Amino acid sequence: MNRIFTPLASIAVLLMLATLALGLFLRTGDIRDPYDQRAQSLATWHRQAGVAAGVFVVLVNSIVVTYFIGTGRWCREVVETYSLNVEFVRRSNRLKRSTFPHALASILAIVGLVALGGAADPAARVRLPPLGELSWTNIHFAAAGATICFIAYASFIQSHNIRENHAVINDVMAEVGRIRKERGLE
C-alpha cells in the first residue's frame, strides 16, 4: 500500500485539477447557448471529468478504508496467535481511527462538490435560485478549490498514517520471525 497510495492520490488530485481547468475554460463561451458547440463540448467534457474524478476519489479512499480494516484485523489475529504485546494492536487501531475521518470526509466532500456542480449546471432540469449575490456557478467554483485543497491535505495525512501502519506491520513481522526462530519453525 505504501507504493500505490501516493500515485493513486496524486492521480485523484490531478483529475480534480483537470476538471477545474475545464470548468474555467467554460467561462470563455456561452454554455447557455445551445448553438455554441465549443462551450457545449467543454461542458460535456467537464461533466464527464467531474464524474471520473469523483469516482476515482471515492475509489482511492475506499481502498484506504479497506486497507486499514484488513491490516487491523490481521494485526489483532497475529498478536493473539503469537501472544505478542497488545500495543501493536493499539498502534494500528490508533492509526485507523485517525485515518477514517479523513477518508470519509474526502468521499463526502467530492459527493457534495458533484451535487453543487449539478446545481450550477444551466442544462439541469431543476434550476435553483441563486443564494443572495452568489450564483451556483460561483459557489461550485469556490467549493471546487476548497475540495481540492482538502483532499490533497487528507491524502497527505492518509499517506503518513499508511507509512506508520506499515512500520507496525514490520514490527509485528519481526516479532513473529524472532518467536518462530526461537521455536525452530523457520
N, C-alpha and C. Protein backbone atom coordinates (compact mmCIF):
# COMPACT_ATOMS: atom_id res chain seq x y z
N MET A 1 0.84 -1.19 0.00
CA MET A 1 0.00 0.00 0.00
C MET A 1 0.88 1.26 0.00
N ASN A 2 2.05 1.14 0.63
CA ASN A 2 2.97 2.27 0.65
C ASN A 2 3.27 2.78 -0.75
N ARG A 3 3.48 1.85 -1.68
CA ARG A 3 3.89 2.21 -3.03
C ARG A 3 2.75 2.70 -3.90
N ILE A 4 1.54 2.21 -3.67
CA ILE A 4 0.47 2.57 -4.59
C ILE A 4 -0.36 3.76 -4.15
N PHE A 5 -0.37 4.07 -2.84
CA PHE A 5 -1.28 5.13 -2.41
C PHE A 5 -0.90 6.50 -2.97
N THR A 6 0.36 6.87 -2.88
CA THR A 6 0.76 8.20 -3.33
C THR A 6 0.47 8.42 -4.82
N PRO A 7 0.80 7.47 -5.70
CA PRO A 7 0.41 7.68 -7.10
C PRO A 7 -1.11 7.76 -7.29
N LEU A 8 -1.87 6.92 -6.59
CA LEU A 8 -3.33 6.97 -6.73
C LEU A 8 -3.89 8.30 -6.24
N ALA A 9 -3.43 8.76 -5.09
CA ALA A 9 -3.91 10.03 -4.55
C ALA A 9 -3.50 11.19 -5.46
N SER A 10 -2.30 11.11 -6.03
CA SER A 10 -1.85 12.16 -6.95
C SER A 10 -2.72 12.19 -8.20
N ILE A 11 -3.05 11.03 -8.72
CA ILE A 11 -3.93 10.97 -9.90
C ILE A 11 -5.29 11.57 -9.56
N ALA A 12 -5.81 11.27 -8.38
CA ALA A 12 -7.11 11.82 -7.98
C ALA A 12 -7.07 13.35 -7.95
N VAL A 13 -6.03 13.91 -7.36
CA VAL A 13 -5.91 15.37 -7.28
C VAL A 13 -5.71 15.96 -8.68
N LEU A 14 -4.91 15.30 -9.51
CA LEU A 14 -4.70 15.79 -10.88
C LEU A 14 -5.99 15.75 -11.69
N LEU A 15 -6.79 14.69 -11.51
CA LEU A 15 -8.09 14.64 -12.19
C LEU A 15 -8.99 15.79 -11.75
N MET A 16 -8.95 16.10 -10.47
CA MET A 16 -9.76 17.21 -9.97
C MET A 16 -9.26 18.54 -10.54
N LEU A 17 -7.94 18.70 -10.61
CA LEU A 17 -7.38 19.93 -11.18
C LEU A 17 -7.73 20.07 -12.66
N ALA A 18 -7.68 18.95 -13.40
CA ALA A 18 -8.04 18.98 -14.82
C ALA A 18 -9.51 19.35 -14.98
N THR A 19 -10.35 18.81 -14.10
CA THR A 19 -11.78 19.14 -14.15
C THR A 19 -11.99 20.62 -13.84
N LEU A 20 -11.25 21.14 -12.88
CA LEU A 20 -11.33 22.57 -12.56
C LEU A 20 -10.91 23.41 -13.76
N ALA A 21 -9.83 23.00 -14.43
CA ALA A 21 -9.37 23.75 -15.61
C ALA A 21 -10.44 23.74 -16.71
N LEU A 22 -11.07 22.59 -16.92
CA LEU A 22 -12.15 22.53 -17.91
C LEU A 22 -13.30 23.45 -17.52
N GLY A 23 -13.60 23.50 -16.24
CA GLY A 23 -14.65 24.39 -15.76
C GLY A 23 -14.30 25.86 -15.98
N LEU A 24 -13.04 26.19 -15.78
CA LEU A 24 -12.61 27.57 -16.03
C LEU A 24 -12.70 27.93 -17.51
N PHE A 25 -12.36 26.97 -18.38
CA PHE A 25 -12.47 27.22 -19.81
C PHE A 25 -13.92 27.42 -20.24
N LEU A 26 -14.85 26.88 -19.49
CA LEU A 26 -16.27 27.07 -19.80
C LEU A 26 -16.66 28.54 -19.80
N ARG A 27 -15.93 29.33 -19.02
CA ARG A 27 -16.26 30.75 -18.92
C ARG A 27 -15.91 31.52 -20.19
N THR A 28 -15.16 30.89 -21.09
CA THR A 28 -14.79 31.57 -22.33
C THR A 28 -15.91 31.52 -23.37
N GLY A 29 -16.89 30.67 -23.16
CA GLY A 29 -18.01 30.56 -24.11
C GLY A 29 -19.32 30.82 -23.39
N ASP A 30 -20.40 30.61 -24.11
CA ASP A 30 -21.73 30.77 -23.53
C ASP A 30 -22.39 29.41 -23.45
N ILE A 31 -22.30 28.80 -22.28
CA ILE A 31 -22.83 27.45 -22.09
C ILE A 31 -24.35 27.42 -22.22
N ARG A 32 -24.99 28.57 -22.04
CA ARG A 32 -26.47 28.62 -22.16
C ARG A 32 -26.93 28.64 -23.62
N ASP A 33 -25.99 28.90 -24.52
CA ASP A 33 -26.32 28.93 -25.96
C ASP A 33 -26.16 27.53 -26.54
N PRO A 34 -27.26 26.88 -26.92
CA PRO A 34 -27.16 25.51 -27.45
C PRO A 34 -26.42 25.44 -28.79
N TYR A 35 -26.22 26.58 -29.45
CA TYR A 35 -25.52 26.59 -30.73
C TYR A 35 -24.02 26.84 -30.59
N ASP A 36 -23.57 27.14 -29.37
CA ASP A 36 -22.13 27.32 -29.12
C ASP A 36 -21.53 25.93 -28.90
N GLN A 37 -21.12 25.31 -30.01
CA GLN A 37 -20.64 23.93 -29.96
C GLN A 37 -19.40 23.76 -29.09
N ARG A 38 -18.51 24.74 -29.10
CA ARG A 38 -17.31 24.66 -28.27
C ARG A 38 -17.68 24.63 -26.80
N ALA A 39 -18.57 25.52 -26.38
CA ALA A 39 -18.99 25.56 -24.98
C ALA A 39 -19.73 24.28 -24.60
N GLN A 40 -20.58 23.79 -25.49
CA GLN A 40 -21.33 22.56 -25.19
C GLN A 40 -20.38 21.36 -25.07
N SER A 41 -19.38 21.32 -25.93
CA SER A 41 -18.39 20.25 -25.86
C SER A 41 -17.58 20.32 -24.57
N LEU A 42 -17.13 21.54 -24.23
CA LEU A 42 -16.40 21.72 -22.98
C LEU A 42 -17.26 21.34 -21.77
N ALA A 43 -18.53 21.70 -21.81
CA ALA A 43 -19.42 21.36 -20.70
C ALA A 43 -19.55 19.85 -20.55
N THR A 44 -19.65 19.15 -21.67
CA THR A 44 -19.74 17.70 -21.62
C THR A 44 -18.46 17.10 -21.05
N TRP A 45 -17.32 17.59 -21.53
CA TRP A 45 -16.04 17.12 -21.01
C TRP A 45 -15.90 17.42 -19.52
N HIS A 46 -16.34 18.60 -19.12
CA HIS A 46 -16.25 18.98 -17.70
C HIS A 46 -17.11 18.04 -16.83
N ARG A 47 -18.33 17.78 -17.28
CA ARG A 47 -19.20 16.86 -16.52
C ARG A 47 -18.58 15.47 -16.42
N GLN A 48 -18.10 14.96 -17.54
CA GLN A 48 -17.53 13.61 -17.55
C GLN A 48 -16.25 13.54 -16.71
N ALA A 49 -15.44 14.57 -16.80
CA ALA A 49 -14.21 14.60 -15.98
C ALA A 49 -14.56 14.69 -14.50
N GLY A 50 -15.61 15.45 -14.20
CA GLY A 50 -16.05 15.56 -12.81
C GLY A 50 -16.52 14.23 -12.25
N VAL A 51 -17.27 13.51 -13.04
CA VAL A 51 -17.74 12.19 -12.61
C VAL A 51 -16.54 11.25 -12.44
N ALA A 52 -15.62 11.27 -13.40
CA ALA A 52 -14.43 10.41 -13.32
C ALA A 52 -13.60 10.75 -12.09
N ALA A 53 -13.38 12.04 -11.86
CA ALA A 53 -12.60 12.45 -10.68
C ALA A 53 -13.31 12.03 -9.40
N GLY A 54 -14.63 12.22 -9.38
CA GLY A 54 -15.39 11.84 -8.19
C GLY A 54 -15.32 10.36 -7.91
N VAL A 55 -15.48 9.55 -8.94
CA VAL A 55 -15.41 8.09 -8.77
C VAL A 55 -14.01 7.69 -8.33
N PHE A 56 -13.00 8.32 -8.89
CA PHE A 56 -11.62 7.97 -8.54
C PHE A 56 -11.31 8.35 -7.10
N VAL A 57 -11.77 9.50 -6.65
CA VAL A 57 -11.55 9.91 -5.25
C VAL A 57 -12.23 8.92 -4.31
N VAL A 58 -13.46 8.52 -4.64
CA VAL A 58 -14.17 7.54 -3.81
C VAL A 58 -13.42 6.21 -3.82
N LEU A 59 -12.93 5.79 -4.98
CA LEU A 59 -12.18 4.54 -5.09
C LEU A 59 -10.93 4.56 -4.21
N VAL A 60 -10.13 5.62 -4.32
CA VAL A 60 -8.88 5.71 -3.56
C VAL A 60 -9.16 5.67 -2.07
N ASN A 61 -10.15 6.42 -1.63
CA ASN A 61 -10.45 6.45 -0.20
C ASN A 61 -11.08 5.15 0.28
N SER A 62 -11.81 4.48 -0.59
CA SER A 62 -12.36 3.16 -0.24
C SER A 62 -11.23 2.13 -0.09
N ILE A 63 -10.23 2.24 -0.93
CA ILE A 63 -9.07 1.35 -0.81
C ILE A 63 -8.36 1.58 0.53
N VAL A 64 -8.24 2.83 0.92
CA VAL A 64 -7.59 3.15 2.20
C VAL A 64 -8.39 2.55 3.36
N VAL A 65 -9.70 2.72 3.33
CA VAL A 65 -10.54 2.17 4.40
C VAL A 65 -10.40 0.65 4.44
N THR A 66 -10.45 0.01 3.28
CA THR A 66 -10.32 -1.45 3.21
C THR A 66 -8.96 -1.90 3.72
N TYR A 67 -7.92 -1.17 3.36
CA TYR A 67 -6.57 -1.49 3.82
C TYR A 67 -6.48 -1.47 5.34
N PHE A 68 -7.01 -0.42 5.96
CA PHE A 68 -6.91 -0.32 7.41
C PHE A 68 -7.79 -1.35 8.12
N ILE A 69 -8.94 -1.66 7.54
CA ILE A 69 -9.77 -2.71 8.14
C ILE A 69 -9.04 -4.05 8.08
N GLY A 70 -8.49 -4.36 6.92
CA GLY A 70 -7.79 -5.63 6.74
C GLY A 70 -6.54 -5.76 7.58
N THR A 71 -5.71 -4.73 7.58
CA THR A 71 -4.46 -4.83 8.34
C THR A 71 -4.73 -4.77 9.84
N GLY A 72 -5.77 -4.06 10.24
CA GLY A 72 -6.12 -4.02 11.67
C GLY A 72 -6.53 -5.40 12.16
N ARG A 73 -7.34 -6.07 11.37
CA ARG A 73 -7.78 -7.42 11.73
C ARG A 73 -6.59 -8.38 11.71
N TRP A 74 -5.76 -8.29 10.69
CA TRP A 74 -4.58 -9.14 10.60
C TRP A 74 -3.69 -8.95 11.82
N CYS A 75 -3.46 -7.70 12.18
CA CYS A 75 -2.60 -7.39 13.33
C CYS A 75 -3.17 -8.02 14.61
N ARG A 76 -4.47 -7.87 14.82
CA ARG A 76 -5.11 -8.42 16.02
C ARG A 76 -4.98 -9.94 16.04
N GLU A 77 -5.22 -10.59 14.91
CA GLU A 77 -5.15 -12.05 14.87
C GLU A 77 -3.73 -12.55 15.10
N VAL A 78 -2.74 -11.90 14.54
CA VAL A 78 -1.35 -12.32 14.72
C VAL A 78 -0.91 -12.08 16.16
N VAL A 79 -1.30 -10.95 16.73
CA VAL A 79 -0.95 -10.66 18.13
C VAL A 79 -1.56 -11.71 19.06
N GLU A 80 -2.82 -12.09 18.80
CA GLU A 80 -3.47 -13.12 19.62
C GLU A 80 -2.82 -14.48 19.42
N THR A 81 -2.51 -14.84 18.19
CA THR A 81 -1.95 -16.15 17.88
C THR A 81 -0.57 -16.33 18.52
N TYR A 82 0.27 -15.31 18.45
CA TYR A 82 1.64 -15.41 18.95
C TYR A 82 1.80 -14.80 20.34
N SER A 83 0.70 -14.38 20.96
CA SER A 83 0.73 -13.76 22.29
C SER A 83 1.72 -12.61 22.34
N LEU A 84 1.62 -11.73 21.36
CA LEU A 84 2.51 -10.57 21.30
C LEU A 84 1.94 -9.44 22.16
N ASN A 85 2.74 -8.40 22.28
CA ASN A 85 2.33 -7.21 23.04
C ASN A 85 1.10 -6.58 22.37
N VAL A 86 0.08 -6.28 23.15
CA VAL A 86 -1.17 -5.70 22.64
C VAL A 86 -0.94 -4.28 22.11
N GLU A 87 0.19 -3.70 22.42
CA GLU A 87 0.48 -2.35 21.94
C GLU A 87 0.50 -2.28 20.41
N PHE A 88 0.85 -3.38 19.76
CA PHE A 88 0.81 -3.41 18.30
C PHE A 88 -0.61 -3.14 17.79
N VAL A 89 -1.58 -3.79 18.41
CA VAL A 89 -2.98 -3.61 18.01
C VAL A 89 -3.43 -2.18 18.33
N ARG A 90 -3.01 -1.68 19.48
CA ARG A 90 -3.39 -0.31 19.84
C ARG A 90 -2.84 0.71 18.84
N ARG A 91 -1.57 0.53 18.45
CA ARG A 91 -0.97 1.44 17.46
C ARG A 91 -1.72 1.38 16.13
N SER A 92 -2.02 0.17 15.69
CA SER A 92 -2.74 0.00 14.43
C SER A 92 -4.13 0.63 14.51
N ASN A 93 -4.83 0.40 15.61
CA ASN A 93 -6.18 0.97 15.77
C ASN A 93 -6.14 2.50 15.85
N ARG A 94 -5.14 3.03 16.51
CA ARG A 94 -4.99 4.49 16.60
C ARG A 94 -4.82 5.10 15.21
N LEU A 95 -4.00 4.46 14.40
CA LEU A 95 -3.79 4.95 13.03
C LEU A 95 -5.06 4.82 12.21
N LYS A 96 -5.77 3.71 12.38
CA LYS A 96 -7.03 3.52 11.65
C LYS A 96 -8.04 4.60 12.04
N ARG A 97 -8.18 4.85 13.32
CA ARG A 97 -9.14 5.86 13.77
C ARG A 97 -8.74 7.27 13.35
N SER A 98 -7.48 7.48 13.16
CA SER A 98 -7.01 8.79 12.70
C SER A 98 -7.22 8.96 11.20
N THR A 99 -7.25 7.85 10.47
CA THR A 99 -7.36 7.90 9.01
C THR A 99 -8.80 7.92 8.52
N PHE A 100 -9.67 7.16 9.16
CA PHE A 100 -11.05 7.03 8.70
C PHE A 100 -11.77 8.36 8.52
N PRO A 101 -11.67 9.30 9.48
CA PRO A 101 -12.39 10.57 9.27
C PRO A 101 -11.94 11.31 8.02
N HIS A 102 -10.65 11.26 7.70
CA HIS A 102 -10.14 11.93 6.50
C HIS A 102 -10.66 11.25 5.23
N ALA A 103 -10.70 9.92 5.25
CA ALA A 103 -11.20 9.20 4.08
C ALA A 103 -12.68 9.47 3.88
N LEU A 104 -13.45 9.39 4.96
CA LEU A 104 -14.89 9.62 4.86
C LEU A 104 -15.19 11.07 4.46
N ALA A 105 -14.47 12.01 5.05
CA ALA A 105 -14.68 13.42 4.72
C ALA A 105 -14.33 13.70 3.26
N SER A 106 -13.30 13.04 2.74
CA SER A 106 -12.94 13.20 1.32
C SER A 106 -14.05 12.69 0.42
N ILE A 107 -14.61 11.55 0.77
CA ILE A 107 -15.71 10.99 -0.02
C ILE A 107 -16.91 11.92 0.02
N LEU A 108 -17.27 12.39 1.21
CA LEU A 108 -18.42 13.28 1.33
C LEU A 108 -18.18 14.62 0.63
N ALA A 109 -16.94 15.11 0.70
CA ALA A 109 -16.61 16.39 0.05
C ALA A 109 -16.77 16.28 -1.46
N ILE A 110 -16.30 15.18 -2.05
CA ILE A 110 -16.41 15.05 -3.50
C ILE A 110 -17.86 14.85 -3.91
N VAL A 111 -18.64 14.13 -3.12
CA VAL A 111 -20.06 13.97 -3.43
C VAL A 111 -20.77 15.32 -3.36
N GLY A 112 -20.43 16.11 -2.33
CA GLY A 112 -21.01 17.45 -2.21
C GLY A 112 -20.62 18.34 -3.37
N LEU A 113 -19.38 18.25 -3.81
CA LEU A 113 -18.92 19.06 -4.94
C LEU A 113 -19.66 18.68 -6.22
N VAL A 114 -19.87 17.40 -6.43
CA VAL A 114 -20.63 16.96 -7.61
C VAL A 114 -22.07 17.48 -7.53
N ALA A 115 -22.65 17.44 -6.34
CA ALA A 115 -24.01 17.96 -6.18
C ALA A 115 -24.06 19.46 -6.48
N LEU A 116 -23.06 20.20 -6.03
CA LEU A 116 -23.01 21.64 -6.35
C LEU A 116 -22.83 21.86 -7.85
N GLY A 117 -22.10 20.96 -8.50
CA GLY A 117 -21.95 21.04 -9.95
C GLY A 117 -23.29 20.87 -10.64
N GLY A 118 -24.10 19.96 -10.11
CA GLY A 118 -25.44 19.78 -10.66
C GLY A 118 -26.30 21.02 -10.46
N ALA A 119 -26.15 21.67 -9.31
CA ALA A 119 -26.92 22.89 -9.05
C ALA A 119 -26.47 24.03 -9.96
N ALA A 120 -25.19 24.02 -10.34
CA ALA A 120 -24.65 25.09 -11.18
C ALA A 120 -24.90 24.86 -12.67
N ASP A 121 -25.30 23.66 -13.05
CA ASP A 121 -25.47 23.30 -14.46
C ASP A 121 -26.70 23.99 -15.05
N PRO A 122 -26.50 24.85 -16.06
CA PRO A 122 -27.65 25.52 -16.66
C PRO A 122 -28.53 24.56 -17.47
N ALA A 123 -28.02 23.38 -17.79
CA ALA A 123 -28.80 22.41 -18.55
C ALA A 123 -29.63 21.50 -17.64
N ALA A 124 -29.52 21.71 -16.33
CA ALA A 124 -30.27 20.87 -15.39
C ALA A 124 -31.76 21.13 -15.51
N ARG A 125 -32.54 20.10 -15.27
CA ARG A 125 -33.99 20.26 -15.35
C ARG A 125 -34.54 21.12 -14.22
N VAL A 126 -33.95 20.98 -13.04
CA VAL A 126 -34.38 21.78 -11.89
C VAL A 126 -33.39 22.91 -11.71
N ARG A 127 -33.85 24.12 -11.77
CA ARG A 127 -32.98 25.30 -11.60
C ARG A 127 -33.24 25.90 -10.24
N LEU A 128 -32.20 26.00 -9.45
CA LEU A 128 -32.32 26.59 -8.13
C LEU A 128 -32.05 28.09 -8.22
N PRO A 129 -32.76 28.88 -7.43
CA PRO A 129 -32.47 30.31 -7.44
C PRO A 129 -31.11 30.58 -6.80
N PRO A 130 -30.44 31.65 -7.18
CA PRO A 130 -29.12 31.96 -6.59
C PRO A 130 -29.26 32.22 -5.09
N LEU A 131 -28.16 32.00 -4.39
CA LEU A 131 -28.12 32.28 -2.95
C LEU A 131 -27.64 33.72 -2.75
N GLY A 132 -28.56 34.61 -2.62
CA GLY A 132 -28.20 36.02 -2.46
C GLY A 132 -27.49 36.54 -3.69
N GLU A 133 -26.30 37.06 -3.48
CA GLU A 133 -25.49 37.60 -4.58
C GLU A 133 -24.67 36.53 -5.29
N LEU A 134 -24.63 35.33 -4.73
CA LEU A 134 -23.78 34.28 -5.28
C LEU A 134 -24.56 33.36 -6.22
N SER A 135 -24.02 33.14 -7.38
CA SER A 135 -24.62 32.17 -8.30
C SER A 135 -24.12 30.78 -7.90
N TRP A 136 -24.84 29.75 -8.32
CA TRP A 136 -24.42 28.39 -8.04
C TRP A 136 -23.09 28.07 -8.72
N THR A 137 -22.84 28.71 -9.83
CA THR A 137 -21.56 28.52 -10.53
C THR A 137 -20.40 29.00 -9.66
N ASN A 138 -20.56 30.18 -9.06
CA ASN A 138 -19.51 30.71 -8.19
C ASN A 138 -19.34 29.87 -6.93
N ILE A 139 -20.45 29.39 -6.39
CA ILE A 139 -20.38 28.53 -5.21
C ILE A 139 -19.66 27.23 -5.57
N HIS A 140 -20.01 26.65 -6.71
CA HIS A 140 -19.37 25.42 -7.17
C HIS A 140 -17.87 25.64 -7.40
N PHE A 141 -17.51 26.76 -7.99
CA PHE A 141 -16.10 27.08 -8.23
C PHE A 141 -15.32 27.20 -6.91
N ALA A 142 -15.87 27.94 -5.95
CA ALA A 142 -15.21 28.09 -4.65
C ALA A 142 -15.10 26.75 -3.93
N ALA A 143 -16.17 25.96 -4.00
CA ALA A 143 -16.15 24.65 -3.36
C ALA A 143 -15.14 23.72 -4.03
N ALA A 144 -14.98 23.86 -5.35
CA ALA A 144 -14.00 23.03 -6.06
C ALA A 144 -12.59 23.31 -5.56
N GLY A 145 -12.26 24.57 -5.43
CA GLY A 145 -10.93 24.93 -4.91
C GLY A 145 -10.72 24.41 -3.50
N ALA A 146 -11.72 24.60 -2.64
CA ALA A 146 -11.63 24.14 -1.25
C ALA A 146 -11.55 22.61 -1.18
N THR A 147 -12.33 21.95 -2.02
CA THR A 147 -12.34 20.48 -2.01
C THR A 147 -11.00 19.92 -2.48
N ILE A 148 -10.44 20.50 -3.51
CA ILE A 148 -9.12 20.04 -3.99
C ILE A 148 -8.08 20.20 -2.88
N CYS A 149 -8.07 21.35 -2.24
CA CYS A 149 -7.11 21.57 -1.15
C CYS A 149 -7.34 20.58 -0.01
N PHE A 150 -8.60 20.38 0.37
CA PHE A 150 -8.89 19.46 1.46
C PHE A 150 -8.48 18.04 1.12
N ILE A 151 -8.80 17.58 -0.08
CA ILE A 151 -8.48 16.20 -0.45
C ILE A 151 -6.96 16.02 -0.55
N ALA A 152 -6.25 17.02 -1.03
CA ALA A 152 -4.79 16.94 -1.05
C ALA A 152 -4.24 16.84 0.38
N TYR A 153 -4.78 17.65 1.29
CA TYR A 153 -4.36 17.60 2.70
C TYR A 153 -4.71 16.24 3.32
N ALA A 154 -5.93 15.77 3.10
CA ALA A 154 -6.36 14.48 3.65
C ALA A 154 -5.50 13.35 3.10
N SER A 155 -5.13 13.44 1.84
CA SER A 155 -4.26 12.42 1.23
C SER A 155 -2.88 12.42 1.88
N PHE A 156 -2.38 13.60 2.21
CA PHE A 156 -1.09 13.70 2.90
C PHE A 156 -1.17 13.01 4.26
N ILE A 157 -2.23 13.27 5.01
CA ILE A 157 -2.41 12.64 6.33
C ILE A 157 -2.54 11.12 6.16
N GLN A 158 -3.33 10.69 5.18
CA GLN A 158 -3.52 9.26 4.96
C GLN A 158 -2.21 8.59 4.57
N SER A 159 -1.41 9.25 3.74
CA SER A 159 -0.13 8.70 3.33
C SER A 159 0.79 8.50 4.54
N HIS A 160 0.82 9.48 5.41
CA HIS A 160 1.62 9.38 6.63
C HIS A 160 1.15 8.21 7.49
N ASN A 161 -0.16 8.08 7.67
CA ASN A 161 -0.69 7.01 8.50
C ASN A 161 -0.46 5.63 7.88
N ILE A 162 -0.49 5.55 6.56
CA ILE A 162 -0.20 4.28 5.89
C ILE A 162 1.25 3.88 6.13
N ARG A 163 2.17 4.85 6.04
CA ARG A 163 3.58 4.56 6.31
C ARG A 163 3.77 4.10 7.76
N GLU A 164 3.09 4.78 8.69
CA GLU A 164 3.19 4.39 10.10
C GLU A 164 2.61 2.99 10.33
N ASN A 165 1.50 2.69 9.68
CA ASN A 165 0.89 1.37 9.81
C ASN A 165 1.80 0.30 9.22
N HIS A 166 2.48 0.64 8.14
CA HIS A 166 3.44 -0.30 7.54
C HIS A 166 4.56 -0.60 8.54
N ALA A 167 4.98 0.40 9.29
CA ALA A 167 6.01 0.19 10.32
C ALA A 167 5.49 -0.75 11.41
N VAL A 168 4.22 -0.60 11.79
CA VAL A 168 3.62 -1.52 12.77
C VAL A 168 3.64 -2.95 12.24
N ILE A 169 3.26 -3.11 10.97
CA ILE A 169 3.26 -4.45 10.36
C ILE A 169 4.67 -5.03 10.36
N ASN A 170 5.66 -4.21 10.02
CA ASN A 170 7.05 -4.68 10.03
C ASN A 170 7.48 -5.08 11.43
N ASP A 171 7.08 -4.32 12.44
CA ASP A 171 7.42 -4.65 13.83
C ASP A 171 6.79 -5.99 14.24
N VAL A 172 5.53 -6.18 13.86
CA VAL A 172 4.84 -7.45 14.17
C VAL A 172 5.56 -8.60 13.47
N MET A 173 5.89 -8.42 12.20
CA MET A 173 6.58 -9.47 11.46
C MET A 173 7.95 -9.79 12.06
N ALA A 174 8.65 -8.78 12.55
CA ALA A 174 9.95 -9.01 13.19
C ALA A 174 9.78 -9.83 14.46
N GLU A 175 8.75 -9.52 15.25
CA GLU A 175 8.49 -10.28 16.47
C GLU A 175 8.10 -11.72 16.14
N VAL A 176 7.26 -11.90 15.14
CA VAL A 176 6.86 -13.25 14.72
C VAL A 176 8.08 -14.03 14.24
N GLY A 177 8.94 -13.39 13.47
CA GLY A 177 10.17 -14.04 12.99
C GLY A 177 11.06 -14.46 14.14
N ARG A 178 11.18 -13.59 15.14
CA ARG A 178 12.00 -13.91 16.32
C ARG A 178 11.43 -15.11 17.06
N ILE A 179 10.12 -15.12 17.27
CA ILE A 179 9.47 -16.22 18.00
C ILE A 179 9.59 -17.52 17.21
N ARG A 180 9.36 -17.46 15.92
CA ARG A 180 9.45 -18.66 15.09
C ARG A 180 10.88 -19.21 15.09
N LYS A 181 11.87 -18.32 15.09
CA LYS A 181 13.27 -18.76 15.13
C LYS A 181 13.59 -19.44 16.46
N GLU A 182 13.07 -18.84 17.57
CA GLU A 182 13.28 -19.45 18.90
C GLU A 182 12.66 -20.83 18.99
N ARG A 183 11.54 -21.02 18.32
CA ARG A 183 10.83 -22.31 18.36
C ARG A 183 11.30 -23.28 17.28
N GLY A 184 12.28 -22.85 16.47
CA GLY A 184 12.82 -23.71 15.42
C GLY A 184 11.84 -23.92 14.27
N LEU A 185 11.02 -22.91 13.97
CA LEU A 185 9.99 -23.05 12.94
C LEU A 185 10.35 -22.32 11.64
N GLU A 186 11.62 -22.03 11.41
CA GLU A 186 11.97 -21.29 10.20
C GLU A 186 11.75 -22.06 8.97
